Amino acid sequence: MSENILKVVAGTDVPDDDAATSPASSGGDFTEELPLLRIDATSFDARMAGVESCSVARELAKHWCSVTAFEVEQEQMRQAREIGPPEDEDKLFNKRWLEKCTRRHPDPDELVEFIKRKASRFINWGDIGTLWKESPAEGIELWRALRLEARDEFFSGHYGARAFESAGYMHEAYTRAQYLAVRDGLVDEWKPKGATEFILIDQMTQAYVMQLHWLEKAMRRSQTAPRTETHEYLEWKRYRRAEAKANQWDKGYWDIPYQHEAVAVEQAFRLVDLCMKTFQRAARQLANIRLVRAKTARLKRRDKMKVIKGVRVA
């Protein structure tokens, strides 16, 4: 059920019946329509449709297989709960897969426009697969547009900045602007060329931002007083300790270690030093790449000058 039908046609204009029977009317330029070929999307033969199309088809097949397997599992659980013995898994899987392959949207044009209006980050394999069923060319174009968008986010720095926004409250415009300001400064200074140097620039930016984060924690832990329990709460714990001792711990195999004030301060400064070393290591690696490129260019110029001098002497 995971096969795609590829229609191979030689030529661009298909003649009508009268023209097909008259070689002279077509000027000797025949167009032959070959029979439909059934090709497994995961086979090597699918490469005739293009490497990119083949890769996308494989990912779509993997996605639909996962979705179908989940739906089959849910359907079997529902049947076992409401009807009785569930239907055979293979038959149910084939039926679900056939429904996904043959189901069509009532308004394909509206579906295409809706998917294209979605933000790039929220377009998933299901959207590409749905668009692929209506028009494979549109599906490939959408995938290429996603790749270009991802490429632009990488080179602009937004891809690396999202690593610091793992929670919703961290997603702030000014925080993103601060990160990009540091990155833009490094880009202006180093003027990176190629993806490797941009990755090192991102590593330097992330190391510096993490250094500031842990430096702030180190100064807070070393210069301000920590929050402690009040005397009343300590007395209450002492009073309740005897009766709560029996139910003090939940089940587990190890205890969470307590961190005293000195250890907390030391940890913050140690992480600051680690971030500084990460920044310096990325900068040193970037400088080494520049040095190797400069030496290679100098050797090429030297060889070129030798060839020019040899020609002049001759």
C-alpha atoms as a PDB file:
ATOM      1  CA  MET A   1       0.000   0.000   0.000  1.00  0.00           C
ATOM      2  CA  SER A   2       3.013   2.266   0.317  1.00  0.00           C
ATOM      3  CA  GLU A   3       3.696   2.309  -3.404  1.00  0.00           C
ATOM      4  CA  ASN A   4       3.553   5.425  -5.544  1.00  0.00           C
ATOM      5  CA  ILE A   5       2.402   5.377  -9.149  1.00  0.00           C
ATOM      6  CA  LEU A   6       4.767   7.266 -11.454  1.00  0.00           C
ATOM      7  CA  LYS A   7       3.528   8.091 -14.917  1.00  0.00           C
ATOM      8  CA  VAL A   8       6.374   8.236 -17.426  1.00  0.00           C
ATOM      9  CA  VAL A   9       5.591  10.164 -20.632  1.00  0.00           C
ATOM     10  CA  ALA A  10       8.050  10.837 -23.440  1.00  0.00           C
ATOM     11  CA  GLY A  11       7.513  14.196 -25.102  1.00  0.00           C
ATOM     12  CA  THR A  12       5.293  17.124 -24.220  1.00  0.00           C
ATOM     13  CA  ASP A  13       2.310  17.013 -26.594  1.00  0.00           C
ATOM     14  CA  VAL A  14       0.247  13.857 -26.931  1.00  0.00           C
ATOM     15  CA  PRO A  15      -1.310  13.578 -30.463  1.00  0.00           C
ATOM     16  CA  ASP A  16      -4.904  12.658 -31.013  1.00  0.00           C
ATOM     17  CA  ASP A  17      -5.994   9.391 -32.628  1.00  0.00           C
ATOM     18  CA  ASP A  18      -5.928  10.713 -36.210  1.00  0.00           C
ATOM     19  CA  ALA A  19      -2.521  12.284 -35.779  1.00  0.00           C
ATOM     20  CA  ALA A  20      -1.163   9.141 -34.160  1.00  0.00           C
ATOM     21  CA  THR A  21      -2.086   7.056 -37.199  1.00  0.00           C
ATOM     22  CA  SER A  22      -0.540   9.520 -39.651  1.00  0.00           C
ATOM     23  CA  PRO A  23       3.246   9.866 -39.400  1.00  0.00           C
ATOM     24  CA  ALA A  24       3.276  12.626 -41.977  1.00  0.00           C
ATOM     25  CA  SER A  25       0.820  14.792 -40.044  1.00  0.00           C
ATOM     26  CA  SER A  26       3.075  14.818 -37.010  1.00  0.00           C
ATOM     27  CA  GLY A  27       6.206  15.566 -38.982  1.00  0.00           C
ATOM     28  CA  GLY A  28       7.842  12.336 -37.830  1.00  0.00           C
ATOM     29  CA  ASP A  29       7.943  13.471 -34.162  1.00  0.00           C
ATOM     30  CA  PHE A  30       6.194  10.687 -32.271  1.00  0.00           C
ATOM     31  CA  THR A  31       5.128  10.860 -28.636  1.00  0.00           C
ATOM     32  CA  GLU A  32       4.812   7.553 -26.818  1.00  0.00           C
ATOM     33  CA  GLU A  33       2.879   7.272 -23.586  1.00  0.00           C
ATOM     34  CA  LEU A  34       4.377   4.469 -21.542  1.00  0.00           C
ATOM     35  CA  PRO A  35       2.292   2.320 -19.188  1.00  0.00           C
ATOM     36  CA  LEU A  36       2.054   3.218 -15.518  1.00  0.00           C
ATOM     37  CA  LEU A  37       4.901   2.010 -13.344  1.00  0.00           C
ATOM     38  CA  ARG A  38       4.366   0.890  -9.768  1.00  0.00           C
ATOM     39  CA  ILE A  39       7.473   1.767  -7.784  1.00  0.00           C
ATOM     40  CA  ASP A  40       8.037   1.313  -4.089  1.00  0.00           C
ATOM     41  CA  ALA A  41       8.853   4.686  -2.543  1.00  0.00           C
ATOM     42  CA  THR A  42      11.614   3.109  -0.447  1.00  0.00           C
ATOM     43  CA  SER A  43      13.358   1.345  -3.335  1.00  0.00           C
ATOM     44  CA  PHE A  44      16.334   2.446  -5.421  1.00  0.00           C
ATOM     45  CA  ASP A  45      14.109   2.611  -8.506  1.00  0.00           C
ATOM     46  CA  ALA A  46      12.302   5.578  -6.949  1.00  0.00           C
ATOM     47  CA  ARG A  47      15.418   7.663  -7.572  1.00  0.00           C
ATOM     48  CA  MET A  48      14.235   8.130 -11.161  1.00  0.00           C
ATOM     49  CA  ALA A  49      11.813  10.699  -9.731  1.00  0.00           C
ATOM     50  CA  GLY A  50      14.746  12.628  -8.219  1.00  0.00           C
ATOM     51  CA  VAL A  51      16.788  12.257  -5.046  1.00  0.00           C
ATOM     52  CA  GLU A  52      14.852  14.968  -3.224  1.00  0.00           C
ATOM     53  CA  SER A  53      11.472  13.553  -4.206  1.00  0.00           C
ATOM     54  CA  CYS A  54      12.606  10.055  -3.213  1.00  0.00           C
ATOM     55  CA  SER A  55      13.764  11.219   0.227  1.00  0.00           C
ATOM     56  CA  VAL A  56      10.564  13.151   0.884  1.00  0.00           C
ATOM     57  CA  ALA A  57       8.455  10.158  -0.204  1.00  0.00           C
ATOM     58  CA  ARG A  58      10.313   7.922   2.231  1.00  0.00           C
ATOM     59  CA  GLU A  59       9.784  10.323   5.118  1.00  0.00           C
ATOM     60  CA  LEU A  60       6.098  10.673   4.259  1.00  0.00           C
ATOM     61  CA  ALA A  61       5.719   6.884   4.129  1.00  0.00           C
ATOM     62  CA  LYS A  62       7.385   6.602   7.544  1.00  0.00           C
ATOM     63  CA  HIS A  63       5.101   9.301   8.968  1.00  0.00           C
ATOM     64  CA  TRP A  64       1.906   7.756   7.615  1.00  0.00           C
ATOM     65  CA  CYS A  65       2.990   4.308   8.857  1.00  0.00           C
ATOM     66  CA  SER A  66       3.438   5.691  12.380  1.00  0.00           C
ATOM     67  CA  VAL A  67       0.103   7.506  12.284  1.00  0.00           C
ATOM     68  CA  THR A  68      -1.684   4.457  10.888  1.00  0.00           C
ATOM     69  CA  ALA A  69      -0.144   2.145  13.491  1.00  0.00           C
ATOM     70  CA  PHE A  70      -1.340   4.458  16.259  1.00  0.00           C
ATOM     71  CA  GLU A  71      -4.851   4.594  14.797  1.00  0.00           C
ATOM     72  CA  VAL A  72      -4.918   0.806  14.462  1.00  0.00           C
ATOM     73  CA  GLU A  73      -3.926   0.418  18.114  1.00  0.00           C
ATOM     74  CA  GLN A  74      -6.647   2.839  19.220  1.00  0.00           C
ATOM     75  CA  GLU A  75      -9.238   1.100  17.018  1.00  0.00           C
ATOM     76  CA  GLN A  76      -8.337  -2.326  18.426  1.00  0.00           C
ATOM     77  CA  MET A  77      -8.677  -1.015  21.967  1.00  0.00           C
ATOM     78  CA  ARG A  78     -12.072   0.486  21.112  1.00  0.00           C
ATOM     79  CA  GLN A  79     -13.291  -2.742  19.493  1.00  0.00           C
ATOM     80  CA  ALA A  80     -12.108  -4.850  22.431  1.00  0.00           C
ATOM     81  CA  ARG A  81     -13.938  -2.540  24.823  1.00  0.00           C
ATOM     82  CA  GLU A  82     -17.221  -2.112  22.899  1.00  0.00           C
ATOM     83  CA  ILE A  83     -17.617  -4.995  20.435  1.00  0.00           C
ATOM     84  CA  GLY A  84     -15.517  -7.916  21.535  1.00  0.00           C
ATOM     85  CA  PRO A  85     -12.483  -9.556  19.911  1.00  0.00           C
ATOM     86  CA  PRO A  86     -10.678  -6.935  17.805  1.00  0.00           C
ATOM     87  CA  GLU A  87     -10.247  -7.173  14.060  1.00  0.00           C
ATOM     88  CA  ASP A  88      -7.069  -8.670  12.605  1.00  0.00           C
ATOM     89  CA  GLU A  89      -4.233  -6.163  12.849  1.00  0.00           C
ATOM     90  CA  ASP A  90      -2.982  -6.590   9.270  1.00  0.00           C
ATOM     91  CA  LYS A  91      -6.447  -6.203   7.765  1.00  0.00           C
ATOM     92  CA  LEU A  92      -7.178  -3.171   9.896  1.00  0.00           C
ATOM     93  CA  PHE A  93      -3.819  -1.634   8.990  1.00  0.00           C
ATOM     94  CA  ASN A  94      -4.412  -2.168   5.253  1.00  0.00           C
ATOM     95  CA  LYS A  95      -7.884  -0.684   5.507  1.00  0.00           C
ATOM     96  CA  ARG A  96      -6.635   2.396   7.351  1.00  0.00           C
ATOM     97  CA  TRP A  97      -3.734   2.815   4.935  1.00  0.00           C
ATOM     98  CA  LEU A  98      -6.073   2.594   1.935  1.00  0.00           C
ATOM     99  CA  GLU A  99      -8.325   5.234   3.461  1.00  0.00           C
ATOM    100  CA  LYS A 100      -5.374   7.596   3.867  1.00  0.00           C
ATOM    101  CA  CYS A 101      -4.216   7.029   0.287  1.00  0.00           C
ATOM    102  CA  THR A 102      -7.637   7.474  -1.325  1.00  0.00           C
ATOM    103  CA  ARG A 103      -9.152  10.163   0.907  1.00  0.00           C
ATOM    104  CA  ARG A 104      -9.339  13.567  -0.802  1.00  0.00           C
ATOM    105  CA  HIS A 105     -10.179  17.006   0.499  1.00  0.00           C
ATOM    106  CA  PRO A 106     -13.445  18.478  -0.843  1.00  0.00           C
ATOM    107  CA  ASP A 107     -11.698  21.743  -1.778  1.00  0.00           C
ATOM    108  CA  PRO A 108      -8.037  21.019  -2.701  1.00  0.00           C
ATOM    109  CA  ASP A 109      -7.263  24.637  -3.619  1.00  0.00           C
ATOM    110  CA  GLU A 110      -8.436  25.888  -0.245  1.00  0.00           C
ATOM    111  CA  LEU A 111      -6.368  23.163   1.472  1.00  0.00           C
ATOM    112  CA  VAL A 112      -3.227  24.169  -0.427  1.00  0.00           C
ATOM    113  CA  GLU A 113      -3.672  27.835   0.465  1.00  0.00           C
ATOM    114  CA  PHE A 114      -4.326  26.995   4.125  1.00  0.00           C
ATOM    115  CA  ILE A 115      -1.151  24.932   4.427  1.00  0.00           C
ATOM    116  CA  LYS A 116       0.930  27.595   2.693  1.00  0.00           C
ATOM    117  CA  ARG A 117      -0.377  30.266   5.088  1.00  0.00           C
ATOM    118  CA  LYS A 118       0.847  28.336   8.145  1.00  0.00           C
ATOM    119  CA  ALA A 119       4.055  29.388   9.866  1.00  0.00           C
ATOM    120  CA  SER A 120       7.087  27.392   8.766  1.00  0.00           C
ATOM    121  CA  ARG A 121       7.755  26.005  12.242  1.00  0.00           C
ATOM    122  CA  PHE A 122       4.254  24.489  12.455  1.00  0.00           C
ATOM    123  CA  ILE A 123       4.277  22.693   9.100  1.00  0.00           C
ATOM    124  CA  ASN A 124       4.757  18.967   9.728  1.00  0.00           C
ATOM    125  CA  TRP A 125       5.082  15.834   7.624  1.00  0.00           C
ATOM    126  CA  GLY A 126       1.316  15.393   7.771  1.00  0.00           C
ATOM    127  CA  ASP A 127       0.774  18.758   6.030  1.00  0.00           C
ATOM    128  CA  ILE A 128       3.350  17.918   3.370  1.00  0.00           C
ATOM    129  CA  GLY A 129       1.803  14.477   2.880  1.00  0.00           C
ATOM    130  CA  THR A 130      -1.696  15.920   2.560  1.00  0.00           C
ATOM    131  CA  LEU A 131      -0.461  18.424   0.012  1.00  0.00           C
ATOM    132  CA  TRP A 132       1.492  15.655  -1.754  1.00  0.00           C
ATOM    133  CA  LYS A 133      -1.694  13.637  -2.288  1.00  0.00           C
ATOM    134  CA  GLU A 134      -3.324  16.595  -4.037  1.00  0.00           C
ATOM    135  CA  SER A 135      -0.249  17.687  -6.006  1.00  0.00           C
ATOM    136  CA  PRO A 136       3.228  16.087  -5.646  1.00  0.00           C
ATOM    137  CA  ALA A 137       4.810  19.133  -7.284  1.00  0.00           C
ATOM    138  CA  GLU A 138       3.238  21.425  -4.684  1.00  0.00           C
ATOM    139  CA  GLY A 139       4.454  19.107  -1.917  1.00  0.00           C
ATOM    140  CA  ILE A 140       8.032  19.217  -3.187  1.00  0.00           C
ATOM    141  CA  GLU A 141       7.893  23.009  -3.546  1.00  0.00           C
ATOM    142  CA  LEU A 142       6.634  23.323   0.033  1.00  0.00           C
ATOM    143  CA  TRP A 143       9.494  21.116   1.261  1.00  0.00           C
ATOM    144  CA  ARG A 144      12.042  23.213  -0.641  1.00  0.00           C
ATOM    145  CA  ALA A 145      10.554  26.383   0.806  1.00  0.00           C
ATOM    146  CA  LEU A 146      10.923  24.892   4.302  1.00  0.00           C
ATOM    147  CA  ARG A 147      14.565  24.087   3.610  1.00  0.00           C
ATOM    148  CA  LEU A 148      15.252  27.630   2.421  1.00  0.00           C
ATOM    149  CA  GLU A 149      13.503  29.056   5.482  1.00  0.00           C
ATOM    150  CA  ALA A 150      15.559  26.816   7.788  1.00  0.00           C
ATOM    151  CA  ARG A 151      18.756  27.846   5.977  1.00  0.00           C
ATOM    152  CA  ASP A 152      17.942  31.532   6.438  1.00  0.00           C
ATOM    153  CA  GLU A 153      17.218  31.028  10.148  1.00  0.00           C
ATOM    154  CA  PHE A 154      20.556  29.257  10.588  1.00  0.00           C
ATOM    155  CA  PHE A 155      22.610  31.993   8.938  1.00  0.00           C
ATOM    156  CA  SER A 156      20.640  34.773  10.644  1.00  0.00           C
ATOM    157  CA  GLY A 157      21.205  33.312  14.129  1.00  0.00           C
ATOM    158  CA  HIS A 158      17.575  32.709  15.147  1.00  0.00           C
ATOM    159  CA  TYR A 159      18.070  28.927  15.073  1.00  0.00           C
ATOM    160  CA  GLY A 160      20.806  29.093  17.700  1.00  0.00           C
ATOM    161  CA  ALA A 161      18.902  31.656  19.796  1.00  0.00           C
ATOM    162  CA  ARG A 162      15.914  29.355  20.287  1.00  0.00           C
ATOM    163  CA  ALA A 163      18.068  27.034  22.410  1.00  0.00           C
ATOM    164  CA  PHE A 164      17.706  29.604  25.239  1.00  0.00           C
ATOM    165  CA  GLU A 165      13.904  29.660  24.953  1.00  0.00           C
ATOM    166  CA  SER A 166      12.983  26.158  26.102  1.00  0.00           C
ATOM    167  CA  ALA A 167      10.043  27.445  28.184  1.00  0.00           C
ATOM    168  CA  GLY A 168       7.256  29.763  27.132  1.00  0.00           C
ATOM    169  CA  TYR A 169       8.126  32.550  29.572  1.00  0.00           C
ATOM    170  CA  MET A 170      11.681  32.659  28.146  1.00  0.00           C
ATOM    171  CA  HIS A 171      10.421  33.676  24.725  1.00  0.00           C
ATOM    172  CA  GLU A 172      10.944  37.438  24.946  1.00  0.00           C
ATOM    173  CA  ALA A 173      11.722  39.832  22.105  1.00  0.00           C
ATOM    174  CA  TYR A 174      14.388  41.816  23.951  1.00  0.00           C
ATOM    175  CA  THR A 175      16.204  38.665  25.079  1.00  0.00           C
ATOM    176  CA  ARG A 176      16.309  37.461  21.472  1.00  0.00           C
ATOM    177  CA  ALA A 177      17.558  40.908  20.372  1.00  0.00           C
ATOM    178  CA  GLN A 178      20.344  40.812  23.001  1.00  0.00           C
ATOM    179  CA  TYR A 179      21.503  37.419  21.746  1.00  0.00           C
ATOM    180  CA  LEU A 180      21.495  38.572  18.128  1.00  0.00           C
ATOM    181  CA  ALA A 181      23.353  41.761  19.092  1.00  0.00           C
ATOM    182  CA  VAL A 182      26.241  39.697  20.465  1.00  0.00           C
ATOM    183  CA  ARG A 183      26.191  37.452  17.409  1.00  0.00           C
ATOM    184  CA  ASP A 184      26.078  40.377  14.969  1.00  0.00           C
ATOM    185  CA  GLY A 185      29.099  41.893  16.680  1.00  0.00           C
ATOM    186  CA  LEU A 186      31.068  38.673  16.269  1.00  0.00           C
ATOM    187  CA  VAL A 187      29.947  38.358  12.638  1.00  0.00           C
ATOM    188  CA  ASP A 188      31.070  41.928  11.884  1.00  0.00           C
ATOM    189  CA  GLU A 189      34.455  41.263  13.483  1.00  0.00           C
ATOM    190  CA  TRP A 190      35.215  37.819  12.078  1.00  0.00           C
ATOM    191  CA  LYS A 191      33.246  38.032   8.798  1.00  0.00           C
ATOM    192  CA  PRO A 192      32.647  34.250   8.659  1.00  0.00           C
ATOM    193  CA  LYS A 193      32.729  32.350   5.400  1.00  0.00           C
ATOM    194  CA  GLY A 194      30.921  29.027   5.154  1.00  0.00           C
ATOM    195  CA  ALA A 195      28.768  27.020   7.507  1.00  0.00           C
ATOM    196  CA  THR A 196      31.664  25.862   9.727  1.00  0.00           C
ATOM    197  CA  GLU A 197      32.633  29.395  10.694  1.00  0.00           C
ATOM    198  CA  PHE A 198      28.997  30.347  11.295  1.00  0.00           C
ATOM    199  CA  ILE A 199      28.647  27.345  13.641  1.00  0.00           C
ATOM    200  CA  LEU A 200      31.718  28.484  15.582  1.00  0.00           C
ATOM    201  CA  ILE A 201      30.275  31.992  15.764  1.00  0.00           C
ATOM    202  CA  ASP A 202      27.083  30.502  17.237  1.00  0.00           C
ATOM    203  CA  GLN A 203      29.132  28.529  19.759  1.00  0.00           C
ATOM    204  CA  MET A 204      30.976  31.673  20.818  1.00  0.00           C
ATOM    205  CA  THR A 205      27.700  33.568  21.189  1.00  0.00           C
ATOM    206  CA  GLN A 206      26.064  30.815  23.219  1.00  0.00           C
ATOM    207  CA  ALA A 207      29.117  30.452  25.442  1.00  0.00           C
ATOM    208  CA  TYR A 208      29.155  34.200  26.145  1.00  0.00           C
ATOM    209  CA  VAL A 209      25.426  34.324  26.928  1.00  0.00           C
ATOM    210  CA  MET A 210      25.782  31.344  29.274  1.00  0.00           C
ATOM    211  CA  GLN A 211      28.805  32.996  30.871  1.00  0.00           C
ATOM    212  CA  LEU A 212      26.727  36.107  31.659  1.00  0.00           C
ATOM    213  CA  HIS A 213      23.914  33.926  33.012  1.00  0.00           C
ATOM    214  CA  TRP A 214      26.129  32.058  35.449  1.00  0.00           C
ATOM    215  CA  LEU A 215      28.113  35.187  36.313  1.00  0.00           C
ATOM    216  CA  GLU A 216      24.875  36.812  37.452  1.00  0.00           C
ATOM    217  CA  LYS A 217      24.085  33.759  39.604  1.00  0.00           C
ATOM    218  CA  ALA A 218      27.629  33.740  41.031  1.00  0.00           C
ATOM    219  CA  MET A 219      27.421  37.398  42.039  1.00  0.00           C
ATOM    220  CA  ARG A 220      23.989  36.884  43.594  1.00  0.00           C
ATOM    221  CA  ARG A 221      25.166  33.840  45.552  1.00  0.00           C
ATOM    222  CA  SER A 222      28.421  35.465  46.717  1.00  0.00           C
ATOM    223  CA  GLN A 223      27.239  39.014  47.451  1.00  0.00           C
ATOM    224  CA  THR A 224      23.714  38.521  48.807  1.00  0.00           C
ATOM    225  CA  ALA A 225      22.267  36.529  51.683  1.00  0.00           C
ATOM    226  CA  PRO A 226      20.496  33.260  50.876  1.00  0.00           C
ATOM    227  CA  ARG A 227      16.877  32.665  51.853  1.00  0.00           C
ATOM    228  CA  THR A 228      16.627  30.648  55.084  1.00  0.00           C
ATOM    229  CA  GLU A 229      13.807  29.105  57.054  1.00  0.00           C
ATOM    230  CA  THR A 230      12.223  31.190  59.784  1.00  0.00           C
ATOM    231  CA  HIS A 231      12.470  30.335  63.492  1.00  0.00           C
ATOM    232  CA  GLU A 232       8.751  29.590  63.700  1.00  0.00           C
ATOM    233  CA  TYR A 233       8.943  27.152  60.808  1.00  0.00           C
ATOM    234  CA  LEU A 234      11.947  25.394  62.367  1.00  0.00           C
ATOM    235  CA  GLU A 235      10.022  25.008  65.633  1.00  0.00           C
ATOM    236  CA  TRP A 236       7.022  23.634  63.767  1.00  0.00           C
ATOM    237  CA  LYS A 237       9.213  21.114  61.934  1.00  0.00           C
ATOM    238  CA  ARG A 238      10.794  20.040  65.190  1.00  0.00           C
ATOM    239  CA  TYR A 239       7.362  19.519  66.703  1.00  0.00           C
ATOM    240  CA  ARG A 240       6.036  17.575  63.722  1.00  0.00           C
ATOM    241  CA  ARG A 241       9.236  15.589  63.113  1.00  0.00           C
ATOM    242  CA  ALA A 242       8.443  12.837  65.546  1.00  0.00           C
ATOM    243  CA  GLU A 243       4.977  12.084  64.176  1.00  0.00           C
ATOM    244  CA  ALA A 244       5.992  12.559  60.512  1.00  0.00           C
ATOM    245  CA  LYS A 245       9.184  10.536  60.692  1.00  0.00           C
ATOM    246  CA  ALA A 246       7.445   7.324  59.744  1.00  0.00           C
ATOM    247  CA  ASN A 247       6.152   8.844  56.490  1.00  0.00           C
ATOM    248  CA  GLN A 248       9.150  11.033  55.767  1.00  0.00           C
ATOM    249  CA  TRP A 249      10.381   9.486  52.522  1.00  0.00           C
ATOM    250  CA  ASP A 250       8.751   8.234  49.351  1.00  0.00           C
ATOM    251  CA  LYS A 251      10.036   5.185  47.492  1.00  0.00           C
ATOM    252  CA  GLY A 252      13.382   5.580  45.733  1.00  0.00           C
ATOM    253  CA  TYR A 253      16.919   4.257  45.441  1.00  0.00           C
ATOM    254  CA  TRP A 254      19.034   7.361  46.126  1.00  0.00           C
ATOM    255  CA  ASP A 255      18.835  10.618  48.075  1.00  0.00           C
ATOM    256  CA  ILE A 256      18.954  14.080  46.528  1.00  0.00           C
ATOM    257  CA  PRO A 257      22.144  15.712  47.853  1.00  0.00           C
ATOM    258  CA  TYR A 258      21.860  18.981  49.762  1.00  0.00           C
ATOM    259  CA  GLN A 259      23.892  21.919  48.444  1.00  0.00           C
ATOM    260  CA  HIS A 260      25.292  24.318  50.994  1.00  0.00           C
ATOM    261  CA  GLU A 261      25.989  27.961  50.315  1.00  0.00           C
ATOM    262  CA  ALA A 262      29.723  27.557  49.669  1.00  0.00           C
ATOM    263  CA  VAL A 263      29.155  24.693  47.243  1.00  0.00           C
ATOM    264  CA  ALA A 264      26.499  26.700  45.394  1.00  0.00           C
ATOM    265  CA  VAL A 265      28.822  29.686  44.983  1.00  0.00           C
ATOM    266  CA  GLU A 266      31.667  27.444  43.849  1.00  0.00           C
ATOM    267  CA  GLN A 267      29.437  25.753  41.294  1.00  0.00           C
ATOM    268  CA  ALA A 268      28.342  29.083  39.807  1.00  0.00           C
ATOM    269  CA  PHE A 269      31.932  30.326  39.412  1.00  0.00           C
ATOM    270  CA  ARG A 270      33.023  26.982  37.996  1.00  0.00           C
ATOM    271  CA  LEU A 271      30.319  27.153  35.343  1.00  0.00           C
ATOM    272  CA  VAL A 272      31.346  30.734  34.503  1.00  0.00           C
ATOM    273  CA  ASP A 273      34.900  29.496  33.940  1.00  0.00           C
ATOM    274  CA  LEU A 274      33.594  26.609  31.827  1.00  0.00           C
ATOM    275  CA  CYS A 275      31.634  29.006  29.598  1.00  0.00           C
ATOM    276  CA  MET A 276      34.717  31.221  29.205  1.00  0.00           C
ATOM    277  CA  LYS A 277      36.804  28.223  28.130  1.00  0.00           C
ATOM    278  CA  THR A 278      34.113  27.193  25.655  1.00  0.00           C
ATOM    279  CA  PHE A 279      34.153  30.678  24.128  1.00  0.00           C
ATOM    280  CA  GLN A 280      37.956  30.695  23.917  1.00  0.00           C
ATOM    281  CA  ARG A 281      38.039  27.215  22.386  1.00  0.00           C
ATOM    282  CA  ALA A 282      35.563  28.219  19.656  1.00  0.00           C
ATOM    283  CA  ALA A 283      37.501  31.420  18.942  1.00  0.00           C
ATOM    284  CA  ARG A 284      40.787  29.496  18.775  1.00  0.00           C
ATOM    285  CA  GLN A 285      39.260  26.963  16.395  1.00  0.00           C
ATOM    286  CA  LEU A 286      37.961  29.769  14.174  1.00  0.00           C
ATOM    287  CA  ALA A 287      41.393  31.414  14.159  1.00  0.00           C
ATOM    288  CA  ASN A 288      43.025  28.093  13.229  1.00  0.00           C
ATOM    289  CA  ILE A 289      40.680  27.695  10.289  1.00  0.00           C
ATOM    290  CA  ARG A 290      41.560  31.209   9.107  1.00  0.00           C
ATOM    291  CA  LEU A 291      45.267  30.426   9.495  1.00  0.00           C
ATOM    292  CA  VAL A 292      45.026  27.241   7.438  1.00  0.00           C
ATOM    293  CA  ARG A 293      43.143  29.064   4.706  1.00  0.00           C
ATOM    294  CA  ALA A 294      45.694  31.875   4.689  1.00  0.00           C
ATOM    295  CA  LYS A 295      48.598  29.409   4.399  1.00  0.00           C
ATOM    296  CA  THR A 296      46.861  27.574   1.577  1.00  0.00           C
ATOM    297  CA  ALA A 297      46.231  30.812  -0.299  1.00  0.00           C
ATOM    298  CA  ARG A 298      49.869  31.887   0.211  1.00  0.00           C
ATOM    299  CA  LEU A 299      51.157  28.584  -1.159  1.00  0.00           C
ATOM    300  CA  LYS A 300      48.909  28.902  -4.192  1.00  0.00           C
ATOM    301  CA  ARG A 301      50.179  32.429  -4.863  1.00  0.00           C
ATOM    302  CA  ARG A 302      53.764  31.237  -4.494  1.00  0.00           C
ATOM    303  CA  ASP A 303      53.227  28.396  -6.961  1.00  0.00           C
ATOM    304  CA  LYS A 304      51.564  30.799  -9.366  1.00  0.00           C
ATOM    305  CA  MET A 305      54.511  33.200  -9.160  1.00  0.00           C
ATOM    306  CA  LYS A 306      56.926  30.355  -9.870  1.00  0.00           C
ATOM    307  CA  VAL A 307      54.973  29.463 -12.983  1.00  0.00           C
ATOM    308  CA  ILE A 308      54.920  33.100 -14.128  1.00  0.00           C
ATOM    309  CA  LYS A 309      58.699  33.484 -13.574  1.00  0.00           C
ATOM    310  CA  GLY A 310      59.363  30.279 -15.468  1.00  0.00           C
ATOM    311  CA  VAL A 311      57.355  31.524 -18.396  1.00  0.00           C
ATOM    312  CA  ARG A 312      59.227  34.857 -18.413  1.00  0.00           C
ATOM    313  CA  VAL A 313      62.633  33.167 -18.319  1.00  0.00           C
ATOM    314  CA  ALA A 314      61.668  30.881 -21.153  1.00  0.00           C
END
